[in-house]
Amino acid sequence: MATDREIVLEQAIVALLSEAKDAGSDLATIGEKAKIGIAGNKEYTWVSPDHKVGVLDAIDYLVGRIG
C-alpha cells in the first residue's frame, strides 16, 4: 500500500508531466534522457544501484500514464 508521501509525489509528478506535455514537451524523449541520466549517474541521481531498475521502471510507468 502506498504511503501518503508516495501518493503526493506521484500526483505532483503526473501534474508536472501533464503540463509539460500540454506545453509541447516530448515526454518520450524526456523519459529516455532521464533514464540515461539515472543509469549514467548524472548530478541529479542519488539512488543506490539497487534502486535504479525501479526508478527506470517508474519513469516508463509515468510517461506511459501521461502518454
C-alpha atoms as a PDB file:
ATOM      1  CA  MET A   1       0.000   0.000   0.000  1.00  0.00           C
ATOM      2  CA  ALA A   2       1.307   3.405  -0.956  1.00  0.00           C
ATOM      3  CA  THR A   3       2.237   5.875   1.744  1.00  0.00           C
ATOM      4  CA  ASP A   4       0.767   9.380   1.808  1.00  0.00           C
ATOM      5  CA  ARG A   5       4.157  10.678   0.669  1.00  0.00           C
ATOM      6  CA  GLU A   6       4.184   8.342  -2.345  1.00  0.00           C
ATOM      7  CA  ILE A   7       0.656   9.377  -3.318  1.00  0.00           C
ATOM      8  CA  VAL A   8       1.522  13.073  -3.041  1.00  0.00           C
ATOM      9  CA  LEU A   9       4.734  12.679  -5.051  1.00  0.00           C
ATOM     10  CA  GLU A  10       3.055  10.660  -7.790  1.00  0.00           C
ATOM     11  CA  GLN A  11       0.265  13.234  -8.103  1.00  0.00           C
ATOM     12  CA  ALA A  12       2.806  16.056  -8.300  1.00  0.00           C
ATOM     13  CA  ILE A  13       4.837  14.240 -10.955  1.00  0.00           C
ATOM     14  CA  VAL A  14       1.754  13.403 -13.012  1.00  0.00           C
ATOM     15  CA  ALA A  15       0.610  17.037 -12.847  1.00  0.00           C
ATOM     16  CA  LEU A  16       4.043  18.348 -13.887  1.00  0.00           C
ATOM     17  CA  LEU A  17       4.367  15.880 -16.746  1.00  0.00           C
ATOM     18  CA  SER A  18       0.825  16.596 -17.933  1.00  0.00           C
ATOM     19  CA  GLU A  19       1.511  20.321 -18.051  1.00  0.00           C
ATOM     20  CA  ALA A  20       4.842  19.719 -19.787  1.00  0.00           C
ATOM     21  CA  LYS A  21       3.062  17.632 -22.423  1.00  0.00           C
ATOM     22  CA  ASP A  22       0.377  20.308 -22.872  1.00  0.00           C
ATOM     23  CA  ALA A  23       3.181  22.860 -23.331  1.00  0.00           C
ATOM     24  CA  GLY A  24       4.584  20.801 -26.181  1.00  0.00           C
ATOM     25  CA  SER A  25       7.285  18.764 -24.471  1.00  0.00           C
ATOM     26  CA  ASP A  26       8.110  15.341 -25.877  1.00  0.00           C
ATOM     27  CA  LEU A  27       7.688  13.145 -22.807  1.00  0.00           C
ATOM     28  CA  ALA A  28       9.080  10.060 -24.522  1.00  0.00           C
ATOM     29  CA  THR A  29      12.345  11.867 -25.257  1.00  0.00           C
ATOM     30  CA  ILE A  30      12.485  13.397 -21.790  1.00  0.00           C
ATOM     31  CA  GLY A  31      11.841   9.979 -20.260  1.00  0.00           C
ATOM     32  CA  GLU A  32      14.625   8.357 -22.282  1.00  0.00           C
ATOM     33  CA  LYS A  33      17.049  11.146 -21.369  1.00  0.00           C
ATOM     34  CA  ALA A  34      16.122  10.814 -17.696  1.00  0.00           C
ATOM     35  CA  LYS A  35      16.695   7.054 -17.814  1.00  0.00           C
ATOM     36  CA  ILE A  36      20.109   7.579 -19.435  1.00  0.00           C
ATOM     37  CA  GLY A  37      20.902  10.175 -16.759  1.00  0.00           C
ATOM     38  CA  ILE A  38      19.924   7.845 -13.917  1.00  0.00           C
ATOM     39  CA  ALA A  39      21.898   4.962 -15.404  1.00  0.00           C
ATOM     40  CA  GLY A  40      24.883   7.250 -16.004  1.00  0.00           C
ATOM     41  CA  ASN A  41      24.884   8.851 -12.538  1.00  0.00           C
ATOM     42  CA  LYS A  42      24.127  12.411 -13.624  1.00  0.00           C
ATOM     43  CA  GLU A  43      24.274  15.025 -10.870  1.00  0.00           C
ATOM     44  CA  TYR A  44      20.568  14.594 -10.034  1.00  0.00           C
ATOM     45  CA  THR A  45      20.999  10.876  -9.278  1.00  0.00           C
ATOM     46  CA  TRP A  46      21.204   9.903  -5.631  1.00  0.00           C
ATOM     47  CA  VAL A  47      19.656   6.423  -5.552  1.00  0.00           C
ATOM     48  CA  SER A  48      21.761   3.354  -4.960  1.00  0.00           C
ATOM     49  CA  PRO A  49      22.320   0.847  -7.761  1.00  0.00           C
ATOM     50  CA  ASP A  50      19.773  -1.412  -6.022  1.00  0.00           C
ATOM     51  CA  HIS A  51      17.029   1.139  -6.723  1.00  0.00           C
ATOM     52  CA  LYS A  52      17.949   2.155 -10.264  1.00  0.00           C
ATOM     53  CA  VAL A  53      15.933  -0.556 -12.021  1.00  0.00           C
ATOM     54  CA  GLY A  54      12.864   0.513 -10.060  1.00  0.00           C
ATOM     55  CA  VAL A  55      13.457   4.146 -10.985  1.00  0.00           C
ATOM     56  CA  LEU A  56      13.774   3.262 -14.677  1.00  0.00           C
ATOM     57  CA  ASP A  57      10.532   1.275 -14.470  1.00  0.00           C
ATOM     58  CA  ALA A  58       8.832   4.191 -12.700  1.00  0.00           C
ATOM     59  CA  ILE A  59       9.857   6.584 -15.491  1.00  0.00           C
ATOM     60  CA  ASP A  60       8.338   4.240 -18.064  1.00  0.00           C
ATOM     61  CA  TYR A  61       5.164   3.940 -15.964  1.00  0.00           C
ATOM     62  CA  LEU A  62       4.778   7.712 -15.549  1.00  0.00           C
ATOM     63  CA  VAL A  63       5.473   8.571 -19.175  1.00  0.00           C
ATOM     64  CA  GLY A  64       3.063   5.831 -20.246  1.00  0.00           C
ATOM     65  CA  ARG A  65       0.409   7.096 -17.851  1.00  0.00           C
ATOM     66  CA  ILE A  66       0.510  10.572 -19.363  1.00  0.00           C
ATOM     67  CA  GLY A  67       1.116   9.213 -22.873  1.00  0.00           C
END
